[in-house]
Amino acid sequence: MITSSFAAGLSLIFIFLSVRTLRLRKKFKIAVGDSGNLEMLRAIRAHGNFAEYVPLALLLIYFVEQAHAHSWLVYILGGALTIGRVSHSYGVSQLNESFFFRVFGMVCTLTTIALSALYLLYSRLF
């Protein structure tokens, strides 16, 4: 299954974001929250945002794959999600942020979710 490969790769990115957040907690001695530390806040949000969007997107991509979509569509959706999440995580993590990476990442992520949902609705109706 194609989706399982993307799920595995995205899981490794999630672990990276988790470890980075844990290391910053240790470095700044912050057990809970961000204590007003901007670097900590950005790491928390990069990690949290990833955790908020990736499960739904992967589930939808899996359903698209199970609906017998062409494999190229599944690869495009999985690739767009992966590129989008890496871009967004990078953008959010930067103290001197250029919004390009965040915006590009969210466009890729939301487009993946929307196209997957529309494909599934269309395939059920027609």
PDB file of N, CA and C in Angstrom:
ATOM      1  N   MET A   1       0.826  -1.187   0.000  1.00  0.00           N
ATOM      2  CA  MET A   1       0.000   0.000   0.000  1.00  0.00           C
ATOM      3  C   MET A   1       0.874   1.255   0.000  1.00  0.00           C
ATOM      4  N   ILE A   2       0.504   2.183  -0.817  1.00  0.00           N
ATOM      5  CA  ILE A   2       1.262   3.420  -0.967  1.00  0.00           C
ATOM      6  C   ILE A   2       1.155   4.281   0.286  1.00  0.00           C
ATOM      7  N   THR A   3      -0.048   4.381   0.815  1.00  0.00           N
ATOM      8  CA  THR A   3      -0.283   5.256   1.965  1.00  0.00           C
ATOM      9  C   THR A   3       0.576   4.855   3.159  1.00  0.00           C
ATOM     10  N   SER A   4       0.811   3.560   3.328  1.00  0.00           N
ATOM     11  CA  SER A   4       1.608   3.122   4.474  1.00  0.00           C
ATOM     12  C   SER A   4       3.039   3.655   4.398  1.00  0.00           C
ATOM     13  N   SER A   5       3.561   3.796   3.198  1.00  0.00           N
ATOM     14  CA  SER A   5       4.909   4.360   3.050  1.00  0.00           C
ATOM     15  C   SER A   5       4.937   5.832   3.467  1.00  0.00           C
ATOM     16  N   PHE A   6       3.921   6.574   3.065  1.00  0.00           N
ATOM     17  CA  PHE A   6       3.840   7.977   3.487  1.00  0.00           C
ATOM     18  C   PHE A   6       3.615   8.076   4.995  1.00  0.00           C
ATOM     19  N   ALA A   7       2.796   7.184   5.535  1.00  0.00           N
ATOM     20  CA  ALA A   7       2.557   7.192   6.982  1.00  0.00           C
ATOM     21  C   ALA A   7       3.854   6.933   7.739  1.00  0.00           C
ATOM     22  N   ALA A   8       4.666   6.023   7.248  1.00  0.00           N
ATOM     23  CA  ALA A   8       5.947   5.720   7.896  1.00  0.00           C
ATOM     24  C   ALA A   8       6.875   6.930   7.843  1.00  0.00           C
ATOM     25  N   GLY A   9       6.997   7.546   6.674  1.00  0.00           N
ATOM     26  CA  GLY A   9       7.864   8.721   6.546  1.00  0.00           C
ATOM     27  C   GLY A   9       7.390   9.880   7.400  1.00  0.00           C
ATOM     28  N   LEU A  10       6.094  10.129   7.399  1.00  0.00           N
ATOM     29  CA  LEU A  10       5.549  11.216   8.217  1.00  0.00           C
ATOM     30  C   LEU A  10       5.704  10.918   9.706  1.00  0.00           C
ATOM     31  N   SER A  11       5.663   9.657  10.079  1.00  0.00           N
ATOM     32  CA  SER A  11       5.889   9.281  11.475  1.00  0.00           C
ATOM     33  C   SER A  11       7.299   9.638  11.922  1.00  0.00           C
ATOM     34  N   LEU A  12       8.264   9.442  11.031  1.00  0.00           N
ATOM     35  CA  LEU A  12       9.644   9.812  11.366  1.00  0.00           C
ATOM     36  C   LEU A  12       9.784  11.323  11.530  1.00  0.00           C
ATOM     37  N   ILE A  13       9.079  12.089  10.706  1.00  0.00           N
ATOM     38  CA  ILE A  13       9.092  13.546  10.858  1.00  0.00           C
ATOM     39  C   ILE A  13       8.452  13.931  12.189  1.00  0.00           C
ATOM     40  N   PHE A  14       7.363  13.259  12.554  1.00  0.00           N
ATOM     41  CA  PHE A  14       6.706  13.523  13.831  1.00  0.00           C
ATOM     42  C   PHE A  14       7.648  13.244  15.004  1.00  0.00           C
ATOM     43  N   ILE A  15       8.388  12.160  14.916  1.00  0.00           N
ATOM     44  CA  ILE A  15       9.360  11.842  15.975  1.00  0.00           C
ATOM     45  C   ILE A  15      10.422  12.935  16.049  1.00  0.00           C
ATOM     46  N   PHE A  16      10.923  13.396  14.903  1.00  0.00           N
ATOM     47  CA  PHE A  16      11.901  14.478  14.880  1.00  0.00           C
ATOM     48  C   PHE A  16      11.350  15.715  15.582  1.00  0.00           C
ATOM     49  N   LEU A  17      10.118  16.104  15.248  1.00  0.00           N
ATOM     50  CA  LEU A  17       9.506  17.282  15.880  1.00  0.00           C
ATOM     51  C   LEU A  17       9.312  17.072  17.375  1.00  0.00           C
ATOM     52  N   SER A  18       8.966  15.863  17.774  1.00  0.00           N
ATOM     53  CA  SER A  18       8.788  15.535  19.198  1.00  0.00           C
ATOM     54  C   SER A  18      10.100  15.659  19.955  1.00  0.00           C
ATOM     55  N   VAL A  19      11.146  15.071  19.408  1.00  0.00           N
ATOM     56  CA  VAL A  19      12.455  15.101  20.069  1.00  0.00           C
ATOM     57  C   VAL A  19      12.968  16.535  20.159  1.00  0.00           C
ATOM     58  N   ARG A  20      12.777  17.299  19.092  1.00  0.00           N
ATOM     59  CA  ARG A  20      13.212  18.700  19.118  1.00  0.00           C
ATOM     60  C   ARG A  20      12.487  19.471  20.227  1.00  0.00           C
ATOM     61  N   THR A  21      11.203  19.258  20.369  1.00  0.00           N
ATOM     62  CA  THR A  21      10.433  19.928  21.415  1.00  0.00           C
ATOM     63  C   THR A  21      10.908  19.484  22.796  1.00  0.00           C
ATOM     64  N   LEU A  22      11.151  18.193  22.962  1.00  0.00           N
ATOM     65  CA  LEU A  22      11.637  17.685  24.249  1.00  0.00           C
ATOM     66  C   LEU A  22      13.014  18.252  24.599  1.00  0.00           C
ATOM     67  N   ARG A  23      13.885  18.356  23.615  1.00  0.00           N
ATOM     68  CA  ARG A  23      15.224  18.917  23.867  1.00  0.00           C
ATOM     69  C   ARG A  23      15.139  20.381  24.286  1.00  0.00           C
ATOM     70  N   LEU A  24      14.257  21.128  23.653  1.00  0.00           N
ATOM     71  CA  LEU A  24      14.089  22.536  24.038  1.00  0.00           C
ATOM     72  C   LEU A  24      13.513  22.648  25.446  1.00  0.00           C
ATOM     73  N   ARG A  25      12.600  21.749  25.792  1.00  0.00           N
ATOM     74  CA  ARG A  25      12.057  21.751  27.162  1.00  0.00           C
ATOM     75  C   ARG A  25      13.191  21.548  28.174  1.00  0.00           C
ATOM     76  N   LYS A  26      14.075  20.628  27.860  1.00  0.00           N
ATOM     77  CA  LYS A  26      15.215  20.375  28.751  1.00  0.00           C
ATOM     78  C   LYS A  26      16.159  21.571  28.772  1.00  0.00           C
ATOM     79  N   LYS A  27      16.468  22.110  27.615  1.00  0.00           N
ATOM     80  CA  LYS A  27      17.389  23.242  27.515  1.00  0.00           C
ATOM     81  C   LYS A  27      16.885  24.446  28.303  1.00  0.00           C
ATOM     82  N   PHE A  28      15.604  24.758  28.169  1.00  0.00           N
ATOM     83  CA  PHE A  28      15.046  25.939  28.824  1.00  0.00           C
ATOM     84  C   PHE A  28      14.394  25.632  30.174  1.00  0.00           C
ATOM     85  N   LYS A  29      14.437  24.343  30.567  1.00  0.00           N
ATOM     86  CA  LYS A  29      13.839  23.909  31.839  1.00  0.00           C
ATOM     87  C   LYS A  29      12.362  24.324  31.929  1.00  0.00           C
ATOM     88  N   ILE A  30      11.611  23.946  30.873  1.00  0.00           N
ATOM     89  CA  ILE A  30      10.179  24.239  30.796  1.00  0.00           C
ATOM     90  C   ILE A  30       9.435  22.906  30.759  1.00  0.00           C
ATOM     91  N   ALA A  31       8.729  22.595  31.833  1.00  0.00           N
ATOM     92  CA  ALA A  31       8.022  21.321  31.910  1.00  0.00           C
ATOM     93  C   ALA A  31       6.685  21.357  31.169  1.00  0.00           C
ATOM     94  N   VAL A  32       5.953  22.451  31.300  1.00  0.00           N
ATOM     95  CA  VAL A  32       4.625  22.563  30.702  1.00  0.00           C
ATOM     96  C   VAL A  32       4.491  23.936  30.048  1.00  0.00           C
ATOM     97  N   GLY A  33       3.843  23.969  28.878  1.00  0.00           N
ATOM     98  CA  GLY A  33       3.637  25.246  28.207  1.00  0.00           C
ATOM     99  C   GLY A  33       4.916  25.768  27.589  1.00  0.00           C
ATOM    100  N   ASP A  34       4.946  27.091  27.373  1.00  0.00           N
ATOM    101  CA  ASP A  34       6.133  27.688  26.746  1.00  0.00           C
ATOM    102  C   ASP A  34       6.826  28.728  27.618  1.00  0.00           C
ATOM    103  N   SER A  35       6.262  29.063  28.763  1.00  0.00           N
ATOM    104  CA  SER A  35       6.830  30.048  29.700  1.00  0.00           C
ATOM    105  C   SER A  35       7.200  31.361  29.022  1.00  0.00           C
ATOM    106  N   GLY A  36       6.499  31.702  27.967  1.00  0.00           N
ATOM    107  CA  GLY A  36       6.786  32.950  27.274  1.00  0.00           C
ATOM    108  C   GLY A  36       8.002  32.902  26.363  1.00  0.00           C
ATOM    109  N   ASN A  37       8.593  31.745  26.199  1.00  0.00           N
ATOM    110  CA  ASN A  37       9.771  31.581  25.349  1.00  0.00           C
ATOM    111  C   ASN A  37       9.313  31.359  23.907  1.00  0.00           C
ATOM    112  N   LEU A  38       9.653  32.274  23.017  1.00  0.00           N
ATOM    113  CA  LEU A  38       9.191  32.221  21.627  1.00  0.00           C
ATOM    114  C   LEU A  38       9.713  30.984  20.891  1.00  0.00           C
ATOM    115  N   GLU A  39      10.951  30.609  21.144  1.00  0.00           N
ATOM    116  CA  GLU A  39      11.507  29.422  20.486  1.00  0.00           C
ATOM    117  C   GLU A  39      10.750  28.166  20.909  1.00  0.00           C
ATOM    118  N   MET A  40      10.428  28.096  22.210  1.00  0.00           N
ATOM    119  CA  MET A  40       9.669  26.957  22.715  1.00  0.00           C
ATOM    120  C   MET A  40       8.266  26.936  22.115  1.00  0.00           C
ATOM    121  N   LEU A  41       7.633  28.098  22.072  1.00  0.00           N
ATOM    122  CA  LEU A  41       6.288  28.195  21.508  1.00  0.00           C
ATOM    123  C   LEU A  41       6.275  27.731  20.057  1.00  0.00           C
ATOM    124  N   ARG A  42       7.259  28.153  19.286  1.00  0.00           N
ATOM    125  CA  ARG A  42       7.302  27.771  17.872  1.00  0.00           C
ATOM    126  C   ARG A  42       7.514  26.263  17.706  1.00  0.00           C
ATOM    127  N   ALA A  43       8.344  25.669  18.538  1.00  0.00           N
ATOM    128  CA  ALA A  43       8.552  24.218  18.470  1.00  0.00           C
ATOM    129  C   ALA A  43       7.271  23.476  18.846  1.00  0.00           C
ATOM    130  N   ILE A  44       6.594  23.961  19.874  1.00  0.00           N
ATOM    131  CA  ILE A  44       5.333  23.339  20.299  1.00  0.00           C
ATOM    132  C   ILE A  44       4.305  23.414  19.172  1.00  0.00           C
ATOM    133  N   ARG A  45       4.195  24.580  18.538  1.00  0.00           N
ATOM    134  CA  ARG A  45       3.199  24.742  17.479  1.00  0.00           C
ATOM    135  C   ARG A  45       3.549  23.950  16.227  1.00  0.00           C
ATOM    136  N   ALA A  46       4.822  23.859  15.881  1.00  0.00           N
ATOM    137  CA  ALA A  46       5.213  23.047  14.722  1.00  0.00           C
ATOM    138  C   ALA A  46       4.824  21.589  14.965  1.00  0.00           C
ATOM    139  N   HIS A  47       5.098  21.105  16.165  1.00  0.00           N
ATOM    140  CA  HIS A  47       4.766  19.734  16.543  1.00  0.00           C
ATOM    141  C   HIS A  47       3.253  19.543  16.618  1.00  0.00           C
ATOM    142  N   GLY A  48       2.580  20.466  17.283  1.00  0.00           N
ATOM    143  CA  GLY A  48       1.135  20.352  17.461  1.00  0.00           C
ATOM    144  C   GLY A  48       0.382  20.457  16.150  1.00  0.00           C
ATOM    145  N   ASN A  49       0.781  21.380  15.300  1.00  0.00           N
ATOM    146  CA  ASN A  49       0.104  21.548  14.022  1.00  0.00           C
ATOM    147  C   ASN A  49       0.261  20.300  13.170  1.00  0.00           C
ATOM    148  N   PHE A  50       1.435  19.717  13.203  1.00  0.00           N
ATOM    149  CA  PHE A  50       1.673  18.468  12.479  1.00  0.00           C
ATOM    150  C   PHE A  50       0.713  17.393  12.983  1.00  0.00           C
ATOM    151  N   ALA A  51       0.602  17.283  14.309  1.00  0.00           N
ATOM    152  CA  ALA A  51      -0.266  16.274  14.914  1.00  0.00           C
ATOM    153  C   ALA A  51      -1.745  16.539  14.621  1.00  0.00           C
ATOM    154  N   GLU A  52      -2.102  17.785  14.394  1.00  0.00           N
ATOM    155  CA  GLU A  52      -3.498  18.134  14.137  1.00  0.00           C
ATOM    156  C   GLU A  52      -3.934  17.809  12.709  1.00  0.00           C
ATOM    157  N   TYR A  53      -3.060  17.980  11.743  1.00  0.00           N
ATOM    158  CA  TYR A  53      -3.453  17.827  10.342  1.00  0.00           C
ATOM    159  C   TYR A  53      -3.104  16.481   9.718  1.00  0.00           C
ATOM    160  N   VAL A  54      -1.991  15.894  10.078  1.00  0.00           N
ATOM    161  CA  VAL A  54      -1.521  14.691   9.394  1.00  0.00           C
ATOM    162  C   VAL A  54      -2.461  13.495   9.543  1.00  0.00           C
ATOM    163  N   PRO A  55      -2.996  13.204  10.738  1.00  0.00           N
ATOM    164  CA  PRO A  55      -3.870  12.017  10.828  1.00  0.00           C
ATOM    165  C   PRO A  55      -5.084  12.072   9.892  1.00  0.00           C
ATOM    166  N   LEU A  56      -5.785  13.195   9.854  1.00  0.00           N
ATOM    167  CA  LEU A  56      -6.943  13.311   8.968  1.00  0.00           C
ATOM    168  C   LEU A  56      -6.527  13.174   7.512  1.00  0.00           C
ATOM    169  N   ALA A  57      -5.469  13.854   7.133  1.00  0.00           N
ATOM    170  CA  ALA A  57      -5.015  13.803   5.741  1.00  0.00           C
ATOM    171  C   ALA A  57      -4.612  12.374   5.352  1.00  0.00           C
ATOM    172  N   LEU A  58      -3.873  11.699   6.207  1.00  0.00           N
ATOM    173  CA  LEU A  58      -3.473  10.318   5.904  1.00  0.00           C
ATOM    174  C   LEU A  58      -4.681   9.390   5.803  1.00  0.00           C
ATOM    175  N   LEU A  59      -5.641   9.579   6.670  1.00  0.00           N
ATOM    176  CA  LEU A  59      -6.850   8.757   6.639  1.00  0.00           C
ATOM    177  C   LEU A  59      -7.591   8.956   5.315  1.00  0.00           C
ATOM    178  N   LEU A  60      -7.720  10.199   4.896  1.00  0.00           N
ATOM    179  CA  LEU A  60      -8.385  10.475   3.622  1.00  0.00           C
ATOM    180  C   LEU A  60      -7.611   9.881   2.446  1.00  0.00           C
ATOM    181  N   ILE A  61      -6.286  10.017   2.466  1.00  0.00           N
ATOM    182  CA  ILE A  61      -5.469   9.438   1.393  1.00  0.00           C
ATOM    183  C   ILE A  61      -5.630   7.919   1.365  1.00  0.00           C
ATOM    184  N   TYR A  62      -5.665   7.313   2.537  1.00  0.00           N
ATOM    185  CA  TYR A  62      -5.879   5.862   2.627  1.00  0.00           C
ATOM    186  C   TYR A  62      -7.221   5.476   1.998  1.00  0.00           C
ATOM    187  N   PHE A  63      -8.259   6.237   2.311  1.00  0.00           N
ATOM    188  CA  PHE A  63      -9.570   5.956   1.726  1.00  0.00           C
ATOM    189  C   PHE A  63      -9.553   6.135   0.204  1.00  0.00           C
ATOM    190  N   VAL A  64      -8.846   7.136  -0.280  1.00  0.00           N
ATOM    191  CA  VAL A  64      -8.703   7.334  -1.727  1.00  0.00           C
ATOM    192  C   VAL A  64      -8.028   6.113  -2.341  1.00  0.00           C
ATOM    193  N   GLU A  65      -6.983   5.640  -1.699  1.00  0.00           N
ATOM    194  CA  GLU A  65      -6.281   4.453  -2.202  1.00  0.00           C
ATOM    195  C   GLU A  65      -7.205   3.236  -2.199  1.00  0.00           C
ATOM    196  N   GLN A  66      -7.975   3.076  -1.140  1.00  0.00           N
ATOM    197  CA  GLN A  66      -8.895   1.941  -1.030  1.00  0.00           C
ATOM    198  C   GLN A  66     -10.064   2.041  -2.015  1.00  0.00           C
ATOM    199  N   ALA A  67     -10.346   3.252  -2.478  1.00  0.00           N
ATOM    200  CA  ALA A  67     -11.409   3.457  -3.471  1.00  0.00           C
ATOM    201  C   ALA A  67     -10.903   3.175  -4.882  1.00  0.00           C
ATOM    202  N   HIS A  68      -9.708   2.603  -4.977  1.00  0.00           N
ATOM    203  CA  HIS A  68      -9.096   2.189  -6.238  1.00  0.00           C
ATOM    204  C   HIS A  68      -8.756   3.363  -7.157  1.00  0.00           C
ATOM    205  N   ALA A  69      -8.324   4.448  -6.559  1.00  0.00           N
ATOM    206  CA  ALA A  69      -7.838   5.580  -7.355  1.00  0.00           C
ATOM    207  C   ALA A  69      -6.547   5.161  -8.047  1.00  0.00           C
ATOM    208  N   HIS A  70      -6.213   5.859  -9.112  1.00  0.00           N
ATOM    209  CA  HIS A  70      -4.932   5.589  -9.781  1.00  0.00           C
ATOM    210  C   HIS A  70      -3.801   5.820  -8.781  1.00  0.00           C
ATOM    211  N   SER A  71      -2.784   5.002  -8.872  1.00  0.00           N
ATOM    212  CA  SER A  71      -1.671   5.114  -7.929  1.00  0.00           C
ATOM    213  C   SER A  71      -0.998   6.484  -8.008  1.00  0.00           C
ATOM    214  N   TRP A  72      -0.947   7.084  -9.199  1.00  0.00           N
ATOM    215  CA  TRP A  72      -0.319   8.403  -9.342  1.00  0.00           C
ATOM    216  C   TRP A  72      -1.026   9.440  -8.478  1.00  0.00           C
ATOM    217  N   LEU A  73      -2.363   9.324  -8.340  1.00  0.00           N
ATOM    218  CA  LEU A  73      -3.101  10.273  -7.505  1.00  0.00           C
ATOM    219  C   LEU A  73      -2.709  10.115  -6.036  1.00  0.00           C
ATOM    220  N   VAL A  74      -2.581   8.884  -5.597  1.00  0.00           N
ATOM    221  CA  VAL A  74      -2.193   8.627  -4.207  1.00  0.00           C
ATOM    222  C   VAL A  74      -0.781   9.158  -3.946  1.00  0.00           C
ATOM    223  N   TYR A  75       0.118   8.952  -4.901  1.00  0.00           N
ATOM    224  CA  TYR A  75       1.480   9.485  -4.757  1.00  0.00           C
ATOM    225  C   TYR A  75       1.482  11.011  -4.720  1.00  0.00           C
ATOM    226  N   ILE A  76       0.694  11.636  -5.566  1.00  0.00           N
ATOM    227  CA  ILE A  76       0.625  13.100  -5.571  1.00  0.00           C
ATOM    228  C   ILE A  76       0.070  13.620  -4.249  1.00  0.00           C
ATOM    229  N   LEU A  77      -0.995  13.011  -3.765  1.00  0.00           N
ATOM    230  CA  LEU A  77      -1.590  13.445  -2.486  1.00  0.00           C
ATOM    231  C   LEU A  77      -0.603  13.248  -1.333  1.00  0.00           C
ATOM    232  N   GLY A  78       0.027  12.088  -1.274  1.00  0.00           N
ATOM    233  CA  GLY A  78       0.999  11.813  -0.206  1.00  0.00           C
ATOM    234  C   GLY A  78       2.213  12.713  -0.306  1.00  0.00           C
ATOM    235  N   GLY A  79       2.680  12.950  -1.513  1.00  0.00           N
ATOM    236  CA  GLY A  79       3.830  13.841  -1.706  1.00  0.00           C
ATOM    237  C   GLY A  79       3.511  15.274  -1.334  1.00  0.00           C
ATOM    238  N   ALA A  80       2.330  15.743  -1.738  1.00  0.00           N
ATOM    239  CA  ALA A  80       1.921  17.112  -1.400  1.00  0.00           C
ATOM    240  C   ALA A  80       1.778  17.276   0.109  1.00  0.00           C
ATOM    241  N   LEU A  81       1.218  16.274   0.772  1.00  0.00           N
ATOM    242  CA  LEU A  81       1.091  16.338   2.229  1.00  0.00           C
ATOM    243  C   LEU A  81       2.468  16.391   2.882  1.00  0.00           C
ATOM    244  N   THR A  82       3.364  15.528   2.455  1.00  0.00           N
ATOM    245  CA  THR A  82       4.703  15.476   3.047  1.00  0.00           C
ATOM    246  C   THR A  82       5.459  16.784   2.826  1.00  0.00           C
ATOM    247  N   ILE A  83       5.454  17.265   1.602  1.00  0.00           N
ATOM    248  CA  ILE A  83       6.134  18.527   1.298  1.00  0.00           C
ATOM    249  C   ILE A  83       5.501  19.670   2.091  1.00  0.00           C
ATOM    250  N   GLY A  84       4.183  19.664   2.148  1.00  0.00           N
ATOM    251  CA  GLY A  84       3.484  20.711   2.878  1.00  0.00           C
ATOM    252  C   GLY A  84       3.789  20.722   4.357  1.00  0.00           C
ATOM    253  N   ARG A  85       3.837  19.557   4.957  1.00  0.00           N
ATOM    254  CA  ARG A  85       4.094  19.489   6.404  1.00  0.00           C
ATOM    255  C   ARG A  85       5.536  19.845   6.719  1.00  0.00           C
ATOM    256  N   VAL A  86       6.480  19.449   5.877  1.00  0.00           N
ATOM    257  CA  VAL A  86       7.882  19.821   6.099  1.00  0.00           C
ATOM    258  C   VAL A  86       8.037  21.331   5.946  1.00  0.00           C
ATOM    259  N   SER A  87       7.440  21.888   4.913  1.00  0.00           N
ATOM    260  CA  SER A  87       7.522  23.323   4.682  1.00  0.00           C
ATOM    261  C   SER A  87       6.905  24.107   5.845  1.00  0.00           C
ATOM    262  N   HIS A  88       5.728  23.695   6.263  1.00  0.00           N
ATOM    263  CA  HIS A  88       5.052  24.403   7.353  1.00  0.00           C
ATOM    264  C   HIS A  88       5.849  24.298   8.652  1.00  0.00           C
ATOM    265  N   SER A  89       6.333  23.112   8.960  1.00  0.00           N
ATOM    266  CA  SER A  89       7.115  22.920  10.192  1.00  0.00           C
ATOM    267  C   SER A  89       8.360  23.788  10.185  1.00  0.00           C
ATOM    268  N   TYR A  90       9.022  23.856   9.052  1.00  0.00           N
ATOM    269  CA  TYR A  90      10.205  24.703   8.928  1.00  0.00           C
ATOM    270  C   TYR A  90       9.828  26.166   9.138  1.00  0.00           C
ATOM    271  N   GLY A  91       8.787  26.613   8.478  1.00  0.00           N
ATOM    272  CA  GLY A  91       8.370  28.004   8.587  1.00  0.00           C
ATOM    273  C   GLY A  91       7.991  28.407   9.998  1.00  0.00           C
ATOM    274  N   VAL A  92       7.211  27.586  10.652  1.00  0.00           N
ATOM    275  CA  VAL A  92       6.775  27.889  12.022  1.00  0.00           C
ATOM    276  C   VAL A  92       7.956  27.905  12.977  1.00  0.00           C
ATOM    277  N   SER A  93       8.955  27.101  12.712  1.00  0.00           N
ATOM    278  CA  SER A  93      10.095  26.966  13.618  1.00  0.00           C
ATOM    279  C   SER A  93      11.060  28.146  13.576  1.00  0.00           C
ATOM    280  N   GLN A  94      10.999  28.958  12.546  1.00  0.00           N
ATOM    281  CA  GLN A  94      11.957  30.042  12.381  1.00  0.00           C
ATOM    282  C   GLN A  94      11.584  31.262  13.219  1.00  0.00           C
ATOM    283  N   LEU A  95      12.531  31.763  14.020  1.00  0.00           N
ATOM    284  CA  LEU A  95      12.282  32.964  14.816  1.00  0.00           C
ATOM    285  C   LEU A  95      12.124  34.185  13.921  1.00  0.00           C
ATOM    286  N   ASN A  96      12.953  34.292  12.890  1.00  0.00           N
ATOM    287  CA  ASN A  96      12.803  35.350  11.881  1.00  0.00           C
ATOM    288  C   ASN A  96      12.070  34.745  10.691  1.00  0.00           C
ATOM    289  N   GLU A  97      10.794  34.639  10.844  1.00  0.00           N
ATOM    290  CA  GLU A  97       9.998  33.864   9.906  1.00  0.00           C
ATOM    291  C   GLU A  97       9.655  34.628   8.638  1.00  0.00           C
ATOM    292  N   SER A  98       9.781  33.896   7.523  1.00  0.00           N
ATOM    293  CA  SER A  98       9.219  34.318   6.251  1.00  0.00           C
ATOM    294  C   SER A  98       7.945  33.494   6.107  1.00  0.00           C
ATOM    295  N   PHE A  99       6.827  34.152   5.913  1.00  0.00           N
ATOM    296  CA  PHE A  99       5.555  33.439   5.876  1.00  0.00           C
ATOM    297  C   PHE A  99       5.414  32.507   4.677  1.00  0.00           C
ATOM    298  N   PHE A 100       6.313  32.599   3.714  1.00  0.00           N
ATOM    299  CA  PHE A 100       6.210  31.760   2.520  1.00  0.00           C
ATOM    300  C   PHE A 100       6.095  30.281   2.882  1.00  0.00           C
ATOM    301  N   PHE A 101       6.971  29.787   3.756  1.00  0.00           N
ATOM    302  CA  PHE A 101       6.993  28.359   4.077  1.00  0.00           C
ATOM    303  C   PHE A 101       5.712  27.921   4.786  1.00  0.00           C
ATOM    304  N   ARG A 102       5.216  28.754   5.689  1.00  0.00           N
ATOM    305  CA  ARG A 102       3.961  28.421   6.374  1.00  0.00           C
ATOM    306  C   ARG A 102       2.789  28.406   5.411  1.00  0.00           C
ATOM    307  N   VAL A 103       2.691  29.446   4.602  1.00  0.00           N
ATOM    308  CA  VAL A 103       1.568  29.547   3.659  1.00  0.00           C
ATOM    309  C   VAL A 103       1.631  28.416   2.641  1.00  0.00           C
ATOM    310  N   PHE A 104       2.813  28.191   2.074  1.00  0.00           N
ATOM    311  CA  PHE A 104       2.972  27.103   1.104  1.00  0.00           C
ATOM    312  C   PHE A 104       2.598  25.764   1.740  1.00  0.00           C
ATOM    313  N   GLY A 105       3.056  25.544   2.961  1.00  0.00           N
ATOM    314  CA  GLY A 105       2.760  24.297   3.665  1.00  0.00           C
ATOM    315  C   GLY A 105       1.273  24.106   3.908  1.00  0.00           C
ATOM    316  N   MET A 106       0.593  25.164   4.315  1.00  0.00           N
ATOM    317  CA  MET A 106      -0.840  25.051   4.563  1.00  0.00           C
ATOM    318  C   MET A 106      -1.616  24.869   3.258  1.00  0.00           C
ATOM    319  N   VAL A 107      -1.178  25.533   2.202  1.00  0.00           N
ATOM    320  CA  VAL A 107      -1.846  25.352   0.902  1.00  0.00           C
ATOM    321  C   VAL A 107      -1.720  23.890   0.461  1.00  0.00           C
ATOM    322  N   CYS A 108      -0.525  23.324   0.568  1.00  0.00           N
ATOM    323  CA  CYS A 108      -0.329  21.912   0.194  1.00  0.00           C
ATOM    324  C   CYS A 108      -1.185  20.987   1.055  1.00  0.00           C
ATOM    325  N   THR A 109      -1.193  21.233   2.359  1.00  0.00           N
ATOM    326  CA  THR A 109      -1.936  20.375   3.279  1.00  0.00           C
ATOM    327  C   THR A 109      -3.438  20.466   3.042  1.00  0.00           C
ATOM    328  N   LEU A 110      -3.962  21.682   2.983  1.00  0.00           N
ATOM    329  CA  LEU A 110      -5.404  21.846   2.811  1.00  0.00           C
ATOM    330  C   LEU A 110      -5.869  21.411   1.428  1.00  0.00           C
ATOM    331  N   THR A 111      -5.025  21.591   0.427  1.00  0.00           N
ATOM    332  CA  THR A 111      -5.362  21.108  -0.917  1.00  0.00           C
ATOM    333  C   THR A 111      -5.430  19.588  -0.923  1.00  0.00           C
ATOM    334  N   THR A 112      -4.495  18.939  -0.237  1.00  0.00           N
ATOM    335  CA  THR A 112      -4.507  17.475  -0.127  1.00  0.00           C
ATOM    336  C   THR A 112      -5.800  17.002   0.528  1.00  0.00           C
ATOM    337  N   ILE A 113      -6.172  17.630   1.627  1.00  0.00           N
ATOM    338  CA  ILE A 113      -7.394  17.237   2.336  1.00  0.00           C
ATOM    339  C   ILE A 113      -8.617  17.480   1.455  1.00  0.00           C
ATOM    340  N   ALA A 114      -8.684  18.648   0.825  1.00  0.00           N
ATOM    341  CA  ALA A 114      -9.841  18.977  -0.009  1.00  0.00           C
ATOM    342  C   ALA A 114      -9.959  18.045  -1.216  1.00  0.00           C
ATOM    343  N   LEU A 115      -8.854  17.823  -1.926  1.00  0.00           N
ATOM    344  CA  LEU A 115      -8.909  16.953  -3.101  1.00  0.00           C
ATOM    345  C   LEU A 115      -9.271  15.525  -2.719  1.00  0.00           C
ATOM    346  N   SER A 116      -8.740  15.047  -1.611  1.00  0.00           N
ATOM    347  CA  SER A 116      -9.077  13.699  -1.146  1.00  0.00           C
ATOM    348  C   SER A 116     -10.565  13.595  -0.827  1.00  0.00           C
ATOM    349  N   ALA A 117     -11.072  14.576  -0.099  1.00  0.00           N
ATOM    350  CA  ALA A 117     -12.489  14.566   0.270  1.00  0.00           C
ATOM    351  C   ALA A 117     -13.378  14.652  -0.968  1.00  0.00           C
ATOM    352  N   LEU A 118     -13.029  15.535  -1.898  1.00  0.00           N
ATOM    353  CA  LEU A 118     -13.824  15.674  -3.118  1.00  0.00           C
ATOM    354  C   LEU A 118     -13.780  14.403  -3.958  1.00  0.00           C
ATOM    355  N   TYR A 119     -12.609  13.792  -4.042  1.00  0.00           N
ATOM    356  CA  TYR A 119     -12.498  12.530  -4.786  1.00  0.00           C
ATOM    357  C   TYR A 119     -13.410  11.474  -4.169  1.00  0.00           C
ATOM    358  N   LEU A 120     -13.382  11.368  -2.852  1.00  0.00           N
ATOM    359  CA  LEU A 120     -14.195  10.366  -2.176  1.00  0.00           C
ATOM    360  C   LEU A 120     -15.688  10.637  -2.361  1.00  0.00           C
ATOM    361  N   LEU A 121     -16.091  11.878  -2.250  1.00  0.00           N
ATOM    362  CA  LEU A 121     -17.507  12.227  -2.461  1.00  0.00           C
ATOM    363  C   LEU A 121     -17.916  11.922  -3.912  1.00  0.00           C
ATOM    364  N   TYR A 122     -17.085  12.332  -4.856  1.00  0.00           N
ATOM    365  CA  TYR A 122     -17.373  12.096  -6.266  1.00  0.00           C
ATOM    366  C   TYR A 122     -17.462  10.608  -6.564  1.00  0.00           C
ATOM    367  N   SER A 123     -16.512   9.829  -6.027  1.00  0.00           N
ATOM    368  CA  SER A 123     -16.487   8.391  -6.324  1.00  0.00           C
ATOM    369  C   SER A 123     -17.701   7.665  -5.731  1.00  0.00           C
ATOM    370  N   ARG A 124     -18.280   8.210  -4.674  1.00  0.00           N
ATOM    371  CA  ARG A 124     -19.476   7.596  -4.072  1.00  0.00           C
ATOM    372  C   ARG A 124     -20.747   7.996  -4.798  1.00  0.00           C
ATOM    373  N   LEU A 125     -20.747   9.183  -5.388  1.00  0.00           N
ATOM    374  CA  LEU A 125     -21.939   9.676  -6.066  1.00  0.00           C
ATOM    375  C   LEU A 125     -22.044   9.194  -7.516  1.00  0.00           C
ATOM    376  N   PHE A 126     -20.886   8.952  -8.159  1.00  0.00           N
ATOM    377  CA  PHE A 126     -20.929   8.608  -9.586  1.00  0.00           C
ATOM    378  C   PHE A 126     -20.256   7.306  -9.866  1.00  0.00           C
TER     379      PHE A 126
END
